[in-house]
Amino acid sequence: MKKLKLTTLLMLLVMATGQMYSQDADTDKEAVLTVMKTYKDALQNLTTEGTFELFTEDSKVFESGGVEGSYAHYIEHHLGPELGHFKKFEFSDYEIDAEVDLPYAFTTETYIYTIVLNPDEKGESRTIKKKGVATSILKKMDGKWKIIKTHSSSRNVK
């Protein structure tokens, strides 16, 4: 009888712990997805405002075969100046997959992005449409998810 009670108690403990872990995992996954959505939305709004807090100071950004450095460097020397030339930056066919394995999370995003450039001195604009993929590694630090590494690449839409 004592073994049955002990076994039952252990099973209940395992089930309760499993449910708590599952709820925490769902909460963490939602938080990771929110970080990635916040970043995507900022780009679509042609701004970097509020995005620096999504990345660690020593983050690493890789884009289409290039090492861009930290997120701050990437914004200052690459993406920031580019955004000033965009009339529109839009994602479509967007899908994201996130996997949480504390203290890390791993995301894969697939999408088509369309960039409409501001008109040039002749008043002509150009549209760029590419199929892209991005993978990111996030780390939970002090209760917040931050991107520590991100890599994106693209190719022409067929």
N, C-alpha and C. Protein backbone atom coordinates (compact mmCIF):
# COMPACT_ATOMS: atom_id res chain seq x y z
N MET A 1 0.83 -1.20 0.00
CA MET A 1 0.00 0.00 0.00
C MET A 1 0.87 1.26 0.00
N LYS A 2 1.96 1.21 0.74
CA LYS A 2 2.85 2.35 0.84
C LYS A 2 3.46 2.68 -0.54
N LYS A 3 3.80 1.63 -1.29
CA LYS A 3 4.38 1.82 -2.63
C LYS A 3 3.36 2.44 -3.57
N LEU A 4 2.11 2.03 -3.46
CA LEU A 4 1.06 2.58 -4.31
C LEU A 4 0.85 4.06 -4.03
N LYS A 5 0.85 4.44 -2.76
CA LYS A 5 0.70 5.85 -2.40
C LYS A 5 1.88 6.67 -2.90
N LEU A 6 3.09 6.15 -2.75
CA LEU A 6 4.29 6.84 -3.20
C LEU A 6 4.29 6.98 -4.71
N THR A 7 3.92 5.92 -5.42
CA THR A 7 3.86 5.95 -6.87
C THR A 7 2.81 6.96 -7.34
N THR A 8 1.65 6.96 -6.70
CA THR A 8 0.59 7.92 -7.04
C THR A 8 1.05 9.34 -6.79
N LEU A 9 1.69 9.58 -5.68
CA LEU A 9 2.19 10.92 -5.36
C LEU A 9 3.23 11.37 -6.38
N LEU A 10 4.14 10.50 -6.75
CA LEU A 10 5.15 10.84 -7.75
C LEU A 10 4.52 11.12 -9.10
N MET A 11 3.52 10.34 -9.49
CA MET A 11 2.85 10.57 -10.77
C MET A 11 2.14 11.92 -10.77
N LEU A 12 1.48 12.26 -9.67
CA LEU A 12 0.81 13.56 -9.57
C LEU A 12 1.81 14.70 -9.64
N LEU A 13 2.94 14.53 -8.99
CA LEU A 13 3.99 15.55 -9.00
C LEU A 13 4.53 15.74 -10.42
N VAL A 14 4.78 14.65 -11.11
CA VAL A 14 5.28 14.72 -12.48
C VAL A 14 4.26 15.40 -13.39
N MET A 15 2.99 15.05 -13.24
CA MET A 15 1.94 15.65 -14.07
C MET A 15 1.82 17.15 -13.79
N ALA A 16 1.85 17.54 -12.53
CA ALA A 16 1.73 18.96 -12.18
C ALA A 16 2.93 19.74 -12.70
N THR A 17 4.12 19.18 -12.54
CA THR A 17 5.33 19.84 -13.03
C THR A 17 5.29 19.96 -14.53
N GLY A 18 4.83 18.91 -15.20
CA GLY A 18 4.73 18.94 -16.66
C GLY A 18 3.79 20.03 -17.14
N GLN A 19 2.65 20.19 -16.45
CA GLN A 19 1.70 21.23 -16.83
C GLN A 19 2.30 22.62 -16.61
N MET A 20 3.01 22.80 -15.49
CA MET A 20 3.64 24.10 -15.22
C MET A 20 4.68 24.40 -16.28
N TYR A 21 5.49 23.40 -16.64
CA TYR A 21 6.52 23.61 -17.65
C TYR A 21 5.88 23.94 -18.99
N SER A 22 4.81 23.25 -19.32
CA SER A 22 4.11 23.49 -20.58
C SER A 22 3.58 24.92 -20.64
N GLN A 23 2.99 25.40 -19.53
CA GLN A 23 2.49 26.77 -19.49
C GLN A 23 3.63 27.77 -19.62
N ASP A 24 4.75 27.51 -18.92
CA ASP A 24 5.91 28.40 -19.02
C ASP A 24 6.47 28.39 -20.44
N ALA A 25 6.54 27.21 -21.06
CA ALA A 25 7.05 27.10 -22.42
C ALA A 25 6.16 27.87 -23.39
N ASP A 26 4.85 27.79 -23.21
CA ASP A 26 3.93 28.54 -24.07
C ASP A 26 4.12 30.04 -23.88
N THR A 27 4.29 30.46 -22.64
CA THR A 27 4.50 31.88 -22.34
C THR A 27 5.81 32.36 -22.96
N ASP A 28 6.87 31.55 -22.82
CA ASP A 28 8.16 31.93 -23.41
C ASP A 28 8.08 31.98 -24.93
N LYS A 29 7.40 31.02 -25.53
CA LYS A 29 7.27 31.02 -26.98
C LYS A 29 6.54 32.27 -27.45
N GLU A 30 5.46 32.64 -26.77
CA GLU A 30 4.72 33.85 -27.13
C GLU A 30 5.61 35.10 -26.99
N ALA A 31 6.43 35.13 -25.94
CA ALA A 31 7.32 36.27 -25.73
C ALA A 31 8.36 36.36 -26.85
N VAL A 32 8.89 35.22 -27.28
CA VAL A 32 9.85 35.18 -28.39
C VAL A 32 9.18 35.67 -29.67
N LEU A 33 7.97 35.19 -29.94
CA LEU A 33 7.25 35.62 -31.14
C LEU A 33 6.96 37.12 -31.11
N THR A 34 6.69 37.65 -29.92
CA THR A 34 6.45 39.09 -29.78
C THR A 34 7.70 39.89 -30.12
N VAL A 35 8.87 39.43 -29.67
CA VAL A 35 10.13 40.11 -30.00
C VAL A 35 10.31 40.15 -31.52
N MET A 36 10.11 39.02 -32.16
CA MET A 36 10.32 38.96 -33.60
C MET A 36 9.29 39.80 -34.36
N LYS A 37 8.04 39.81 -33.88
CA LYS A 37 7.00 40.62 -34.52
C LYS A 37 7.30 42.11 -34.35
N THR A 38 7.78 42.48 -33.18
CA THR A 38 8.12 43.88 -32.93
C THR A 38 9.19 44.36 -33.90
N TYR A 39 10.18 43.52 -34.12
CA TYR A 39 11.26 43.87 -35.06
C TYR A 39 10.72 43.98 -36.49
N LYS A 40 9.94 42.99 -36.91
CA LYS A 40 9.36 43.01 -38.26
C LYS A 40 8.46 44.23 -38.46
N ASP A 41 7.63 44.53 -37.48
CA ASP A 41 6.73 45.68 -37.59
C ASP A 41 7.50 47.00 -37.69
N ALA A 42 8.59 47.11 -36.94
CA ALA A 42 9.41 48.33 -37.00
C ALA A 42 9.95 48.52 -38.41
N LEU A 43 10.47 47.46 -39.01
CA LEU A 43 11.00 47.56 -40.37
C LEU A 43 9.91 47.98 -41.35
N GLN A 44 8.74 47.40 -41.20
CA GLN A 44 7.64 47.76 -42.10
C GLN A 44 7.21 49.22 -41.90
N ASN A 45 7.45 49.74 -40.70
CA ASN A 45 7.15 51.15 -40.44
C ASN A 45 8.34 52.05 -40.73
N LEU A 46 9.38 51.47 -41.33
CA LEU A 46 10.58 52.19 -41.76
C LEU A 46 11.27 52.91 -40.60
N THR A 47 11.32 52.23 -39.45
CA THR A 47 11.96 52.83 -38.29
C THR A 47 12.79 51.78 -37.55
N THR A 48 13.73 52.26 -36.77
CA THR A 48 14.48 51.38 -35.87
C THR A 48 14.13 51.70 -34.41
N GLU A 49 13.21 52.63 -34.24
CA GLU A 49 12.80 53.04 -32.89
C GLU A 49 12.26 51.84 -32.11
N GLY A 50 12.79 51.65 -30.92
CA GLY A 50 12.35 50.57 -30.06
C GLY A 50 12.97 49.21 -30.38
N THR A 51 13.85 49.16 -31.38
CA THR A 51 14.42 47.86 -31.76
C THR A 51 15.72 47.55 -31.04
N PHE A 52 16.43 48.56 -30.58
CA PHE A 52 17.73 48.29 -29.93
C PHE A 52 17.56 47.45 -28.68
N GLU A 53 16.44 47.60 -27.98
CA GLU A 53 16.19 46.82 -26.76
C GLU A 53 15.87 45.36 -27.07
N LEU A 54 15.65 45.03 -28.34
CA LEU A 54 15.37 43.65 -28.73
C LEU A 54 16.64 42.82 -28.91
N PHE A 55 17.77 43.49 -28.98
CA PHE A 55 19.06 42.85 -29.25
C PHE A 55 20.01 43.05 -28.07
N THR A 56 20.94 42.10 -27.90
CA THR A 56 22.00 42.29 -26.91
C THR A 56 23.02 43.26 -27.49
N GLU A 57 23.78 43.90 -26.62
CA GLU A 57 24.81 44.84 -27.09
C GLU A 57 25.83 44.16 -27.97
N ASP A 58 26.17 42.92 -27.64
CA ASP A 58 27.18 42.20 -28.42
C ASP A 58 26.56 41.26 -29.45
N SER A 59 25.36 41.58 -29.89
CA SER A 59 24.68 40.76 -30.88
C SER A 59 25.52 40.67 -32.16
N LYS A 60 25.19 39.67 -32.97
CA LYS A 60 25.85 39.48 -34.26
C LYS A 60 24.78 39.42 -35.34
N VAL A 61 24.99 40.19 -36.41
CA VAL A 61 24.06 40.22 -37.53
C VAL A 61 24.80 39.75 -38.78
N PHE A 62 24.19 38.79 -39.46
CA PHE A 62 24.73 38.26 -40.71
C PHE A 62 23.66 38.43 -41.77
N GLU A 63 24.06 38.95 -42.94
CA GLU A 63 23.08 39.17 -43.99
C GLU A 63 23.66 38.80 -45.35
N SER A 64 22.99 37.87 -46.03
CA SER A 64 23.34 37.47 -47.39
C SER A 64 24.85 37.32 -47.61
N GLY A 65 25.47 36.53 -46.75
CA GLY A 65 26.91 36.25 -46.91
C GLY A 65 27.83 37.27 -46.28
N GLY A 66 27.27 38.30 -45.63
CA GLY A 66 28.11 39.32 -45.02
C GLY A 66 28.00 39.31 -43.51
N VAL A 67 29.11 39.66 -42.86
CA VAL A 67 29.14 39.82 -41.41
C VAL A 67 28.94 41.30 -41.14
N GLU A 68 27.81 41.65 -40.57
CA GLU A 68 27.45 43.05 -40.38
C GLU A 68 27.88 43.61 -39.03
N GLY A 69 28.33 42.76 -38.11
CA GLY A 69 28.73 43.21 -36.78
C GLY A 69 27.55 43.19 -35.83
N SER A 70 27.61 44.03 -34.81
CA SER A 70 26.52 44.11 -33.84
C SER A 70 25.30 44.76 -34.48
N TYR A 71 24.16 44.65 -33.79
CA TYR A 71 22.96 45.28 -34.30
C TYR A 71 23.15 46.80 -34.40
N ALA A 72 23.78 47.39 -33.40
CA ALA A 72 24.02 48.84 -33.43
C ALA A 72 24.85 49.22 -34.66
N HIS A 73 25.88 48.44 -34.96
CA HIS A 73 26.73 48.71 -36.13
C HIS A 73 25.92 48.52 -37.41
N TYR A 74 25.13 47.48 -37.46
CA TYR A 74 24.29 47.19 -38.62
C TYR A 74 23.33 48.34 -38.91
N ILE A 75 22.73 48.88 -37.87
CA ILE A 75 21.80 49.99 -38.06
C ILE A 75 22.55 51.25 -38.52
N GLU A 76 23.67 51.52 -37.88
CA GLU A 76 24.41 52.74 -38.21
C GLU A 76 25.01 52.71 -39.62
N HIS A 77 25.49 51.56 -40.05
CA HIS A 77 26.24 51.49 -41.30
C HIS A 77 25.51 50.80 -42.45
N HIS A 78 24.38 50.20 -42.18
CA HIS A 78 23.72 49.44 -43.25
C HIS A 78 22.22 49.73 -43.31
N LEU A 79 21.48 49.11 -42.42
CA LEU A 79 20.02 49.19 -42.51
C LEU A 79 19.47 50.59 -42.26
N GLY A 80 20.02 51.28 -41.27
CA GLY A 80 19.53 52.63 -40.96
C GLY A 80 19.55 53.55 -42.17
N PRO A 81 20.71 53.71 -42.83
CA PRO A 81 20.73 54.55 -44.04
C PRO A 81 19.82 54.03 -45.16
N GLU A 82 19.71 52.70 -45.29
CA GLU A 82 18.83 52.15 -46.34
C GLU A 82 17.38 52.53 -46.12
N LEU A 83 16.92 52.46 -44.87
CA LEU A 83 15.52 52.77 -44.58
C LEU A 83 15.14 54.16 -45.07
N GLY A 84 16.08 55.09 -45.06
CA GLY A 84 15.83 56.45 -45.53
C GLY A 84 15.55 56.53 -47.02
N HIS A 85 15.92 55.48 -47.76
CA HIS A 85 15.70 55.45 -49.21
C HIS A 85 14.44 54.68 -49.58
N PHE A 86 13.76 54.11 -48.58
CA PHE A 86 12.58 53.29 -48.84
C PHE A 86 11.31 54.11 -48.71
N LYS A 87 10.44 53.94 -49.68
CA LYS A 87 9.09 54.50 -49.59
C LYS A 87 8.20 53.48 -48.86
N LYS A 88 8.51 52.18 -49.06
CA LYS A 88 7.71 51.12 -48.47
C LYS A 88 8.59 49.88 -48.29
N PHE A 89 8.38 49.19 -47.17
CA PHE A 89 9.04 47.91 -46.90
C PHE A 89 7.96 47.01 -46.32
N GLU A 90 7.59 45.98 -47.07
CA GLU A 90 6.45 45.17 -46.66
C GLU A 90 6.79 43.68 -46.74
N PHE A 91 6.36 42.94 -45.71
CA PHE A 91 6.50 41.49 -45.70
C PHE A 91 5.17 40.87 -46.10
N SER A 92 5.22 39.81 -46.88
CA SER A 92 4.03 39.04 -47.20
C SER A 92 4.40 37.56 -47.14
N ASP A 93 3.40 36.71 -47.17
CA ASP A 93 3.60 35.26 -47.06
C ASP A 93 4.51 34.93 -45.88
N TYR A 94 4.34 35.67 -44.80
CA TYR A 94 5.21 35.56 -43.63
C TYR A 94 4.81 34.35 -42.77
N GLU A 95 5.81 33.55 -42.44
CA GLU A 95 5.62 32.43 -41.52
C GLU A 95 6.79 32.40 -40.56
N ILE A 96 6.53 32.03 -39.32
CA ILE A 96 7.59 31.94 -38.32
C ILE A 96 7.41 30.66 -37.51
N ASP A 97 8.52 30.05 -37.22
CA ASP A 97 8.55 28.89 -36.35
C ASP A 97 9.50 29.23 -35.21
N ALA A 98 9.10 28.94 -33.99
CA ALA A 98 9.95 29.21 -32.82
C ALA A 98 10.04 27.96 -31.96
N GLU A 99 11.24 27.70 -31.51
CA GLU A 99 11.49 26.58 -30.61
C GLU A 99 12.23 27.12 -29.39
N VAL A 100 11.69 26.84 -28.21
CA VAL A 100 12.29 27.31 -26.97
C VAL A 100 13.00 26.14 -26.29
N ASP A 101 14.26 26.36 -25.95
CA ASP A 101 15.07 25.39 -25.21
C ASP A 101 15.88 26.21 -24.22
N LEU A 102 15.24 26.55 -23.10
CA LEU A 102 15.81 27.50 -22.13
C LEU A 102 17.28 27.25 -21.85
N PRO A 103 18.05 28.33 -21.79
CA PRO A 103 17.66 29.75 -21.84
C PRO A 103 17.64 30.32 -23.26
N TYR A 104 17.63 29.45 -24.28
CA TYR A 104 17.69 29.91 -25.66
C TYR A 104 16.37 29.65 -26.38
N ALA A 105 16.21 30.37 -27.48
CA ALA A 105 15.11 30.13 -28.40
C ALA A 105 15.65 30.28 -29.81
N PHE A 106 15.07 29.54 -30.72
CA PHE A 106 15.53 29.52 -32.10
C PHE A 106 14.34 29.78 -33.01
N THR A 107 14.49 30.73 -33.92
CA THR A 107 13.39 31.05 -34.83
C THR A 107 13.83 30.91 -36.27
N THR A 108 12.87 30.55 -37.10
CA THR A 108 13.05 30.55 -38.55
C THR A 108 11.87 31.28 -39.14
N GLU A 109 12.17 32.30 -39.93
CA GLU A 109 11.14 33.08 -40.60
C GLU A 109 11.29 32.91 -42.11
N THR A 110 10.19 32.74 -42.80
CA THR A 110 10.20 32.76 -44.26
C THR A 110 9.19 33.81 -44.71
N TYR A 111 9.50 34.47 -45.81
CA TYR A 111 8.66 35.58 -46.24
C TYR A 111 9.04 36.01 -47.64
N ILE A 112 8.21 36.87 -48.18
CA ILE A 112 8.54 37.64 -49.37
C ILE A 112 8.56 39.09 -48.90
N TYR A 113 9.60 39.82 -49.25
CA TYR A 113 9.60 41.24 -48.91
C TYR A 113 9.59 42.06 -50.18
N THR A 114 8.88 43.15 -50.09
CA THR A 114 8.77 44.09 -51.20
C THR A 114 9.25 45.45 -50.70
N ILE A 115 10.22 46.00 -51.40
CA ILE A 115 10.74 47.33 -51.09
C ILE A 115 10.42 48.23 -52.26
N VAL A 116 9.79 49.36 -51.98
CA VAL A 116 9.57 50.39 -52.98
C VAL A 116 10.50 51.53 -52.62
N LEU A 117 11.41 51.83 -53.52
CA LEU A 117 12.38 52.90 -53.27
C LEU A 117 11.75 54.27 -53.53
N ASN A 118 12.23 55.26 -52.80
CA ASN A 118 11.79 56.63 -53.04
C ASN A 118 12.17 57.03 -54.46
N PRO A 119 11.40 57.90 -55.07
CA PRO A 119 11.74 58.34 -56.42
C PRO A 119 13.12 59.00 -56.46
N ASP A 120 13.83 58.75 -57.55
CA ASP A 120 15.15 59.38 -57.73
C ASP A 120 14.97 60.80 -58.29
N GLU A 121 16.08 61.42 -58.67
CA GLU A 121 16.02 62.81 -59.16
C GLU A 121 15.19 62.95 -60.43
N LYS A 122 14.97 61.85 -61.15
CA LYS A 122 14.14 61.87 -62.36
C LYS A 122 12.68 61.56 -62.04
N GLY A 123 12.40 61.32 -60.74
CA GLY A 123 11.04 61.01 -60.33
C GLY A 123 10.67 59.54 -60.52
N GLU A 124 11.68 58.71 -60.80
CA GLU A 124 11.42 57.29 -61.04
C GLU A 124 11.67 56.49 -59.76
N SER A 125 10.78 55.57 -59.52
CA SER A 125 10.89 54.70 -58.36
C SER A 125 11.16 53.27 -58.85
N ARG A 126 11.67 52.45 -57.97
CA ARG A 126 11.96 51.06 -58.32
C ARG A 126 11.42 50.17 -57.22
N THR A 127 10.92 49.00 -57.62
CA THR A 127 10.41 48.04 -56.66
C THR A 127 11.30 46.80 -56.67
N ILE A 128 11.66 46.36 -55.47
CA ILE A 128 12.47 45.15 -55.28
C ILE A 128 11.60 44.14 -54.56
N LYS A 129 11.51 42.94 -55.11
CA LYS A 129 10.70 41.89 -54.49
C LYS A 129 11.57 40.64 -54.41
N LYS A 130 11.74 40.14 -53.17
CA LYS A 130 12.61 38.98 -52.94
C LYS A 130 11.97 38.01 -51.97
N LYS A 131 12.37 36.76 -52.12
CA LYS A 131 11.98 35.72 -51.18
C LYS A 131 13.10 35.63 -50.15
N GLY A 132 12.73 35.65 -48.86
CA GLY A 132 13.76 35.66 -47.83
C GLY A 132 13.54 34.61 -46.76
N VAL A 133 14.62 34.36 -46.04
CA VAL A 133 14.58 33.48 -44.88
C VAL A 133 15.52 34.09 -43.84
N ALA A 134 15.13 33.97 -42.59
CA ALA A 134 15.96 34.48 -41.50
C ALA A 134 15.92 33.47 -40.35
N THR A 135 17.06 33.27 -39.74
CA THR A 135 17.13 32.47 -38.53
C THR A 135 17.71 33.34 -37.43
N SER A 136 17.18 33.20 -36.23
CA SER A 136 17.65 33.99 -35.11
C SER A 136 17.79 33.11 -33.88
N ILE A 137 18.76 33.48 -33.05
CA ILE A 137 18.94 32.85 -31.75
C ILE A 137 18.68 33.93 -30.71
N LEU A 138 17.78 33.64 -29.79
CA LEU A 138 17.47 34.56 -28.70
C LEU A 138 17.88 33.91 -27.39
N LYS A 139 18.15 34.75 -26.40
CA LYS A 139 18.49 34.26 -25.07
C LYS A 139 17.65 35.01 -24.05
N LYS A 140 17.15 34.26 -23.08
CA LYS A 140 16.38 34.88 -22.00
C LYS A 140 17.36 35.39 -20.96
N MET A 141 17.37 36.71 -20.78
CA MET A 141 18.30 37.35 -19.87
C MET A 141 17.53 38.29 -18.96
N ASP A 142 17.66 38.09 -17.67
CA ASP A 142 16.93 38.91 -16.70
C ASP A 142 15.44 38.96 -17.00
N GLY A 143 14.92 37.82 -17.41
CA GLY A 143 13.48 37.71 -17.66
C GLY A 143 13.01 38.23 -19.01
N LYS A 144 13.93 38.71 -19.86
CA LYS A 144 13.56 39.26 -21.17
C LYS A 144 14.27 38.49 -22.27
N TRP A 145 13.57 38.29 -23.36
CA TRP A 145 14.15 37.63 -24.52
C TRP A 145 14.85 38.67 -25.39
N LYS A 146 16.10 38.37 -25.77
CA LYS A 146 16.87 39.27 -26.62
C LYS A 146 17.52 38.48 -27.74
N ILE A 147 17.61 39.09 -28.89
CA ILE A 147 18.25 38.46 -30.05
C ILE A 147 19.76 38.57 -29.87
N ILE A 148 20.44 37.43 -29.93
CA ILE A 148 21.90 37.45 -29.81
C ILE A 148 22.57 37.24 -31.16
N LYS A 149 21.90 36.51 -32.06
CA LYS A 149 22.42 36.32 -33.41
C LYS A 149 21.25 36.24 -34.37
N THR A 150 21.43 36.83 -35.54
CA THR A 150 20.42 36.73 -36.59
C THR A 150 21.09 36.67 -37.94
N HIS A 151 20.55 35.87 -38.81
CA HIS A 151 21.08 35.71 -40.17
C HIS A 151 19.93 35.74 -41.15
N SER A 152 20.06 36.54 -42.18
CA SER A 152 19.01 36.57 -43.20
C SER A 152 19.66 36.49 -44.59
N SER A 153 18.91 35.92 -45.50
CA SER A 153 19.35 35.88 -46.89
C SER A 153 18.11 35.94 -47.78
N SER A 154 18.34 36.26 -49.04
CA SER A 154 17.21 36.38 -49.95
C SER A 154 17.65 36.02 -51.36
N ARG A 155 16.64 35.79 -52.18
CA ARG A 155 16.87 35.54 -53.59
C ARG A 155 15.67 36.05 -54.36
N ASN A 156 15.83 36.16 -55.66
CA ASN A 156 14.74 36.64 -56.48
C ASN A 156 13.54 35.72 -56.41
N VAL A 157 12.37 36.30 -56.47
CA VAL A 157 11.13 35.53 -56.48
C VAL A 157 10.98 34.93 -57.86
N LYS A 158 10.65 33.65 -57.91
CA LYS A 158 10.47 32.98 -59.22
C LYS A 158 9.05 33.10 -59.68
